[in-house]
PDB file of N, CA and C in Angstrom:
ATOM      1  N   MET A   1       2.236-126.922  -6.133  1.00  0.00           N
ATOM      2  CA  MET A   1       2.602-127.654  -7.319  1.00  0.00           C
ATOM      3  C   MET A   1       2.361-129.157  -7.142  1.00  0.00           C
ATOM      4  N   LYS A   2       2.412-129.612  -5.909  1.00  0.00           N
ATOM      5  CA  LYS A   2       2.151-131.019  -5.673  1.00  0.00           C
ATOM      6  C   LYS A   2       0.683-131.354  -5.888  1.00  0.00           C
ATOM      7  N   ASN A   3      -0.194-130.337  -5.778  1.00  0.00           N
ATOM      8  CA  ASN A   3      -1.609-130.585  -6.027  1.00  0.00           C
ATOM      9  C   ASN A   3      -1.849-130.974  -7.475  1.00  0.00           C
ATOM     10  N   ILE A   4      -1.127-130.326  -8.382  1.00  0.00           N
ATOM     11  CA  ILE A   4      -1.277-130.657  -9.805  1.00  0.00           C
ATOM     12  C   ILE A   4      -0.750-132.059 -10.073  1.00  0.00           C
ATOM     13  N   ARG A   5       0.331-132.402  -9.400  1.00  0.00           N
ATOM     14  CA  ARG A   5       0.909-133.736  -9.578  1.00  0.00           C
ATOM     15  C   ARG A   5      -0.096-134.801  -9.077  1.00  0.00           C
ATOM     16  N   LYS A   6      -0.753-134.517  -7.946  1.00  0.00           N
ATOM     17  CA  LYS A   6      -1.752-135.455  -7.426  1.00  0.00           C
ATOM     18  C   LYS A   6      -2.948-135.535  -8.364  1.00  0.00           C
ATOM     19  N   ALA A   7      -3.350-134.406  -8.937  1.00  0.00           N
ATOM     20  CA  ALA A   7      -4.468-134.394  -9.874  1.00  0.00           C
ATOM     21  C   ALA A   7      -4.148-135.224 -11.103  1.00  0.00           C
ATOM     22  N   VAL A   8      -2.920-135.106 -11.594  1.00  0.00           N
ATOM     23  CA  VAL A   8      -2.502-135.891 -12.756  1.00  0.00           C
ATOM     24  C   VAL A   8      -2.537-137.373 -12.423  1.00  0.00           C
ATOM     25  N   ASP A   9      -2.025-137.739 -11.247  1.00  0.00           N
ATOM     26  CA  ASP A   9      -2.039-139.149 -10.840  1.00  0.00           C
ATOM     27  C   ASP A   9      -3.461-139.680 -10.734  1.00  0.00           C
ATOM     28  N   ILE A  10      -4.353-138.902 -10.147  1.00  0.00           N
ATOM     29  CA  ILE A  10      -5.757-139.317 -10.006  1.00  0.00           C
ATOM     30  C   ILE A  10      -6.408-139.475 -11.375  1.00  0.00           C
ATOM     31  N   LEU A  11      -6.157-138.518 -12.270  1.00  0.00           N
ATOM     32  CA  LEU A  11      -6.749-138.590 -13.615  1.00  0.00           C
ATOM     33  C   LEU A  11      -6.244-139.850 -14.357  1.00  0.00           C
ATOM     34  N   ILE A  12      -5.004-140.196 -14.196  1.00  0.00           N
ATOM     35  CA  ILE A  12      -4.474-141.383 -14.853  1.00  0.00           C
ATOM     36  C   ILE A  12      -5.122-142.637 -14.277  1.00  0.00           C
ATOM     37  N   ILE A  13      -5.264-142.709 -12.959  1.00  0.00           N
ATOM     38  CA  ILE A  13      -5.903-143.858 -12.346  1.00  0.00           C
ATOM     39  C   ILE A  13      -7.353-144.005 -12.784  1.00  0.00           C
ATOM     40  N   VAL A  14      -8.084-142.889 -12.807  1.00  0.00           N
ATOM     41  CA  VAL A  14      -9.493-142.914 -13.251  1.00  0.00           C
ATOM     42  C   VAL A  14      -9.569-143.348 -14.728  1.00  0.00           C
ATOM     43  N   ALA A  15      -8.635-142.877 -15.549  1.00  0.00           N
ATOM     44  CA  ALA A  15      -8.638-143.234 -16.956  1.00  0.00           C
ATOM     45  C   ALA A  15      -8.375-144.724 -17.155  1.00  0.00           C
ATOM     46  N   VAL A  16      -7.469-145.282 -16.387  1.00  0.00           N
ATOM     47  CA  VAL A  16      -7.167-146.703 -16.499  1.00  0.00           C
ATOM     48  C   VAL A  16      -8.367-147.539 -16.086  1.00  0.00           C
ATOM     49  N   ILE A  17      -9.010-147.162 -14.994  1.00  0.00           N
ATOM     50  CA  ILE A  17     -10.191-147.900 -14.528  1.00  0.00           C
ATOM     51  C   ILE A  17     -11.310-147.818 -15.576  1.00  0.00           C
ATOM     52  N   SER A  18     -11.542-146.618 -16.103  1.00  0.00           N
ATOM     53  CA  SER A  18     -12.579-146.451 -17.106  1.00  0.00           C
ATOM     54  C   SER A  18     -12.256-147.236 -18.377  1.00  0.00           C
ATOM     55  N   PHE A  19     -10.991-147.264 -18.744  1.00  0.00           N
ATOM     56  CA  PHE A  19     -10.577-148.011 -19.946  1.00  0.00           C
ATOM     57  C   PHE A  19     -10.819-149.505 -19.761  1.00  0.00           C
ATOM     58  N   ILE A  20     -10.455-150.012 -18.583  1.00  0.00           N
ATOM     59  CA  ILE A  20     -10.674-151.426 -18.308  1.00  0.00           C
ATOM     60  C   ILE A  20     -12.133-151.790 -18.347  1.00  0.00           C
ATOM     61  N   ILE A  21     -12.974-150.954 -17.737  1.00  0.00           N
ATOM     62  CA  ILE A  21     -14.424-151.197 -17.767  1.00  0.00           C
ATOM     63  C   ILE A  21     -14.937-151.180 -19.190  1.00  0.00           C
ATOM     64  N   GLY A  22     -14.492-150.222 -19.984  1.00  0.00           N
ATOM     65  CA  GLY A  22     -14.933-150.138 -21.372  1.00  0.00           C
ATOM     66  C   GLY A  22     -14.524-151.325 -22.211  1.00  0.00           C
ATOM     67  N   VAL A  23     -13.273-151.787 -22.032  1.00  0.00           N
ATOM     68  CA  VAL A  23     -12.787-152.935 -22.798  1.00  0.00           C
ATOM     69  C   VAL A  23     -13.517-154.209 -22.363  1.00  0.00           C
ATOM     70  N   VAL A  24     -13.725-154.401 -21.066  1.00  0.00           N
ATOM     71  CA  VAL A  24     -14.417-155.597 -20.591  1.00  0.00           C
ATOM     72  C   VAL A  24     -15.875-155.602 -21.115  1.00  0.00           C
ATOM     73  N   LEU A  25     -16.539-154.469 -21.049  1.00  0.00           N
ATOM     74  CA  LEU A  25     -17.926-154.423 -21.545  1.00  0.00           C
ATOM     75  C   LEU A  25     -17.987-154.614 -23.043  1.00  0.00           C
ATOM     76  N   LYS A  26     -16.990-154.127 -23.765  1.00  0.00           N
ATOM     77  CA  LYS A  26     -16.964-154.289 -25.215  1.00  0.00           C
ATOM     78  C   LYS A  26     -16.685-155.723 -25.592  1.00  0.00           C
ATOM     79  N   ALA A  27     -15.809-156.398 -24.827  1.00  0.00           N
ATOM     80  CA  ALA A  27     -15.431-157.754 -25.139  1.00  0.00           C
ATOM     81  C   ALA A  27     -16.483-158.783 -24.771  1.00  0.00           C
ATOM     82  N   THR A  28     -17.283-158.491 -23.762  1.00  0.00           N
ATOM     83  CA  THR A  28     -18.321-159.426 -23.353  1.00  0.00           C
ATOM     84  C   THR A  28     -19.622-159.131 -24.054  1.00  0.00           C
ATOM     85  N   ALA A  29     -20.619-159.896 -23.723  1.00  0.00           N
ATOM     86  CA  ALA A  29     -21.917-159.706 -24.334  1.00  0.00           C
ATOM     87  C   ALA A  29     -22.690-158.580 -23.676  1.00  0.00           C
ATOM     88  N   LEU A  30     -22.091-157.891 -22.710  1.00  0.00           N
ATOM     89  CA  LEU A  30     -22.759-156.812 -22.009  1.00  0.00           C
ATOM     90  C   LEU A  30     -22.583-155.482 -22.738  1.00  0.00           C
ATOM     91  N   GLY A  31     -22.456-155.506 -24.029  1.00  0.00           N
ATOM     92  CA  GLY A  31     -22.155-154.306 -24.781  1.00  0.00           C
ATOM     93  C   GLY A  31     -23.335-153.394 -25.034  1.00  0.00           C
ATOM     94  N   GLY A  32     -24.461-153.652 -24.447  1.00  0.00           N
ATOM     95  CA  GLY A  32     -25.639-152.804 -24.649  1.00  0.00           C
ATOM     96  C   GLY A  32     -25.598-151.561 -23.780  1.00  0.00           C
ATOM     97  N   ILE A  33     -26.720-150.914 -23.701  1.00  0.00           N
ATOM     98  CA  ILE A  33     -26.843-149.720 -22.872  1.00  0.00           C
ATOM     99  C   ILE A  33     -26.883-150.140 -21.422  1.00  0.00           C
ATOM    100  N   LEU A  34     -26.065-149.510 -20.604  1.00  0.00           N
ATOM    101  CA  LEU A  34     -25.972-149.881 -19.190  1.00  0.00           C
ATOM    102  C   LEU A  34     -26.890-149.054 -18.322  1.00  0.00           C
ATOM    103  N   TRP A  35     -26.571-147.784 -18.192  1.00  0.00           N
ATOM    104  CA  TRP A  35     -27.271-146.906 -17.266  1.00  0.00           C
ATOM    105  C   TRP A  35     -27.141-145.489 -17.786  1.00  0.00           C
ATOM    106  N   CYS A  36     -28.193-144.779 -17.876  1.00  0.00           N
ATOM    107  CA  CYS A  36     -28.189-143.391 -18.391  1.00  0.00           C
ATOM    108  C   CYS A  36     -27.546-143.293 -19.782  1.00  0.00           C
ATOM    109  N   ASN A  37     -27.876-144.222 -20.623  1.00  0.00           N
ATOM    110  CA  ASN A  37     -27.393-144.249 -22.005  1.00  0.00           C
ATOM    111  C   ASN A  37     -25.871-144.391 -22.108  1.00  0.00           C
ATOM    112  N   LEU A  38     -25.253-145.061 -21.158  1.00  0.00           N
ATOM    113  CA  LEU A  38     -23.817-145.292 -21.221  1.00  0.00           C
ATOM    114  C   LEU A  38     -23.545-146.592 -21.977  1.00  0.00           C
ATOM    115  N   VAL A  39     -22.677-146.513 -22.951  1.00  0.00           N
ATOM    116  CA  VAL A  39     -22.248-147.670 -23.726  1.00  0.00           C
ATOM    117  C   VAL A  39     -20.746-147.807 -23.549  1.00  0.00           C
ATOM    118  N   PRO A  40     -20.151-148.928 -23.956  1.00  0.00           N
ATOM    119  CA  PRO A  40     -18.698-149.083 -23.771  1.00  0.00           C
ATOM    120  C   PRO A  40     -17.872-147.961 -24.382  1.00  0.00           C
ATOM    121  N   ASN A  41     -18.318-147.436 -25.487  1.00  0.00           N
ATOM    122  CA  ASN A  41     -17.569-146.326 -26.111  1.00  0.00           C
ATOM    123  C   ASN A  41     -17.559-145.084 -25.233  1.00  0.00           C
ATOM    124  N   SER A  42     -18.560-144.898 -24.413  1.00  0.00           N
ATOM    125  CA  SER A  42     -18.589-143.772 -23.492  1.00  0.00           C
ATOM    126  C   SER A  42     -17.437-143.876 -22.473  1.00  0.00           C
ATOM    127  N   PHE A  43     -17.204-145.080 -21.985  1.00  0.00           N
ATOM    128  CA  PHE A  43     -16.110-145.278 -21.048  1.00  0.00           C
ATOM    129  C   PHE A  43     -14.760-145.035 -21.718  1.00  0.00           C
ATOM    130  N   LEU A  44     -14.642-145.488 -22.964  1.00  0.00           N
ATOM    131  CA  LEU A  44     -13.378-145.295 -23.684  1.00  0.00           C
ATOM    132  C   LEU A  44     -13.126-143.815 -23.989  1.00  0.00           C
ATOM    133  N   ARG A  45     -14.183-143.089 -24.367  1.00  0.00           N
ATOM    134  CA  ARG A  45     -14.039-141.657 -24.602  1.00  0.00           C
ATOM    135  C   ARG A  45     -13.695-140.915 -23.327  1.00  0.00           C
ATOM    136  N   PHE A  46     -14.284-141.315 -22.206  1.00  0.00           N
ATOM    137  CA  PHE A  46     -13.992-140.664 -20.925  1.00  0.00           C
ATOM    138  C   PHE A  46     -12.536-140.919 -20.515  1.00  0.00           C
ATOM    139  N   SER A  47     -12.037-142.104 -20.757  1.00  0.00           N
ATOM    140  CA  SER A  47     -10.630-142.376 -20.429  1.00  0.00           C
ATOM    141  C   SER A  47      -9.707-141.549 -21.308  1.00  0.00           C
ATOM    142  N   ASN A  48     -10.067-141.369 -22.576  1.00  0.00           N
ATOM    143  CA  ASN A  48      -9.267-140.507 -23.463  1.00  0.00           C
ATOM    144  C   ASN A  48      -9.268-139.071 -22.951  1.00  0.00           C
ATOM    145  N   PHE A  49     -10.413-138.585 -22.513  1.00  0.00           N
ATOM    146  CA  PHE A  49     -10.533-137.230 -21.988  1.00  0.00           C
ATOM    147  C   PHE A  49      -9.661-137.047 -20.746  1.00  0.00           C
ATOM    148  N   CYS A  50      -9.715-138.012 -19.838  1.00  0.00           N
ATOM    149  CA  CYS A  50      -8.906-137.927 -18.595  1.00  0.00           C
ATOM    150  C   CYS A  50      -7.429-137.904 -18.929  1.00  0.00           C
ATOM    151  N   LEU A  51      -7.003-138.741 -19.864  1.00  0.00           N
ATOM    152  CA  LEU A  51      -5.593-138.769 -20.222  1.00  0.00           C
ATOM    153  C   LEU A  51      -5.146-137.473 -20.908  1.00  0.00           C
ATOM    154  N   LEU A  52      -6.016-136.912 -21.737  1.00  0.00           N
ATOM    155  CA  LEU A  52      -5.657-135.653 -22.389  1.00  0.00           C
ATOM    156  C   LEU A  52      -5.528-134.515 -21.352  1.00  0.00           C
ATOM    157  N   ILE A  53      -6.389-134.472 -20.389  1.00  0.00           N
ATOM    158  CA  ILE A  53      -6.295-133.452 -19.334  1.00  0.00           C
ATOM    159  C   ILE A  53      -5.014-133.677 -18.527  1.00  0.00           C
ATOM    160  N   ALA A  54      -4.678-134.923 -18.204  1.00  0.00           N
ATOM    161  CA  ALA A  54      -3.469-135.212 -17.461  1.00  0.00           C
ATOM    162  C   ALA A  54      -2.230-134.776 -18.245  1.00  0.00           C
ATOM    163  N   ILE A  55      -2.228-135.026 -19.543  1.00  0.00           N
ATOM    164  CA  ILE A  55      -1.100-134.615 -20.384  1.00  0.00           C
ATOM    165  C   ILE A  55      -1.003-133.093 -20.406  1.00  0.00           C
ATOM    166  N   ALA A  56      -2.141-132.449 -20.574  1.00  0.00           N
ATOM    167  CA  ALA A  56      -2.132-130.977 -20.620  1.00  0.00           C
ATOM    168  C   ALA A  56      -1.607-130.358 -19.328  1.00  0.00           C
ATOM    169  N   LEU A  57      -2.025-130.906 -18.181  1.00  0.00           N
ATOM    170  CA  LEU A  57      -1.544-130.380 -16.897  1.00  0.00           C
ATOM    171  C   LEU A  57      -0.050-130.646 -16.739  1.00  0.00           C
ATOM    172  N   GLY A  58       0.408-131.810 -17.140  1.00  0.00           N
ATOM    173  CA  GLY A  58       1.831-132.124 -17.051  1.00  0.00           C
ATOM    174  C   GLY A  58       2.682-131.239 -17.939  1.00  0.00           C
ATOM    175  N   VAL A  59       2.231-131.025 -19.158  1.00  0.00           N
ATOM    176  CA  VAL A  59       2.963-130.154 -20.082  1.00  0.00           C
ATOM    177  C   VAL A  59       2.949-128.709 -19.586  1.00  0.00           C
ATOM    178  N   ARG A  60       1.849-128.294 -18.994  1.00  0.00           N
ATOM    179  CA  ARG A  60       1.764-126.937 -18.444  1.00  0.00           C
ATOM    180  C   ARG A  60       2.800-126.754 -17.349  1.00  0.00           C
ATOM    181  N   GLN A  61       2.916-127.727 -16.489  1.00  0.00           N
ATOM    182  CA  GLN A  61       3.913-127.625 -15.414  1.00  0.00           C
ATOM    183  C   GLN A  61       5.332-127.591 -15.958  1.00  0.00           C
ATOM    184  N   ILE A  62       5.599-128.366 -16.993  1.00  0.00           N
ATOM    185  CA  ILE A  62       6.922-128.346 -17.594  1.00  0.00           C
ATOM    186  C   ILE A  62       7.152-127.000 -18.262  1.00  0.00           C
ATOM    187  N   TRP A  63       6.151-126.484 -18.948  1.00  0.00           N
ATOM    188  CA  TRP A  63       6.271-125.200 -19.650  1.00  0.00           C
ATOM    189  C   TRP A  63       6.564-124.075 -18.671  1.00  0.00           C
ATOM    190  N   ILE A  64       5.874-124.073 -17.565  1.00  0.00           N
ATOM    191  CA  ILE A  64       6.100-123.035 -16.544  1.00  0.00           C
ATOM    192  C   ILE A  64       7.459-123.218 -15.887  1.00  0.00           C
ATOM    193  N   GLY A  65       7.931-124.445 -15.838  1.00  0.00           N
ATOM    194  CA  GLY A  65       9.227-124.713 -15.236  1.00  0.00           C
ATOM    195  C   GLY A  65       9.175-124.887 -13.730  1.00  0.00           C
ATOM    196  N   LYS A  66       8.020-125.239 -13.227  1.00  0.00           N
ATOM    197  CA  LYS A  66       7.867-125.386 -11.796  1.00  0.00           C
ATOM    198  C   LYS A  66       7.605-126.809 -11.390  1.00  0.00           C
ATOM    199  N   VAL A  67       8.138-127.759 -12.134  1.00  0.00           N
ATOM    200  CA  VAL A  67       7.977-129.152 -11.789  1.00  0.00           C
ATOM    201  C   VAL A  67       8.941-129.455 -10.660  1.00  0.00           C
ATOM    202  N   PRO A  68       8.425-129.886  -9.503  1.00  0.00           N
ATOM    203  CA  PRO A  68       9.314-130.204  -8.403  1.00  0.00           C
ATOM    204  C   PRO A  68      10.153-131.430  -8.726  1.00  0.00           C
ATOM    205  N   GLU A  69      11.436-131.318  -8.529  1.00  0.00           N
ATOM    206  CA  GLU A  69      12.325-132.427  -8.825  1.00  0.00           C
ATOM    207  C   GLU A  69      12.380-133.344  -7.603  1.00  0.00           C
ATOM    208  N   GLU A  70      12.360-134.626  -7.901  1.00  0.00           N
ATOM    209  CA  GLU A  70      12.423-135.590  -6.820  1.00  0.00           C
ATOM    210  C   GLU A  70      13.888-135.847  -6.495  1.00  0.00           C
ATOM    211  N   LYS A  71      14.172-135.891  -5.222  1.00  0.00           N
ATOM    212  CA  LYS A  71      15.542-136.145  -4.774  1.00  0.00           C
ATOM    213  C   LYS A  71      15.782-137.662  -4.677  1.00  0.00           C
ATOM    214  N   THR A  72      16.881-138.079  -5.224  1.00  0.00           N
ATOM    215  CA  THR A  72      17.260-139.473  -5.091  1.00  0.00           C
ATOM    216  C   THR A  72      18.378-139.548  -4.072  1.00  0.00           C
ATOM    217  N   GLU A  73      18.190-140.400  -3.106  1.00  0.00           N
ATOM    218  CA  GLU A  73      19.185-140.473  -2.052  1.00  0.00           C
ATOM    219  C   GLU A  73      19.984-141.729  -2.123  1.00  0.00           C
TER     220      GLU A  73
END
């Protein structure tokens, strides 16, 4: 179950990085085609996709009821 938690964390980090790249490229004059037909909107769509997958995995774990509870000491 910790593997899913790690996957969710990685997806969120990748989404934030992709979002920042997309916003910076959109805000600057570098808004053209970068590489392999990637435009700033591609980065923003990819970050949306990563966040949706992270949400789906998190909700799945809650639905199953196997979310490991963290102990506070």
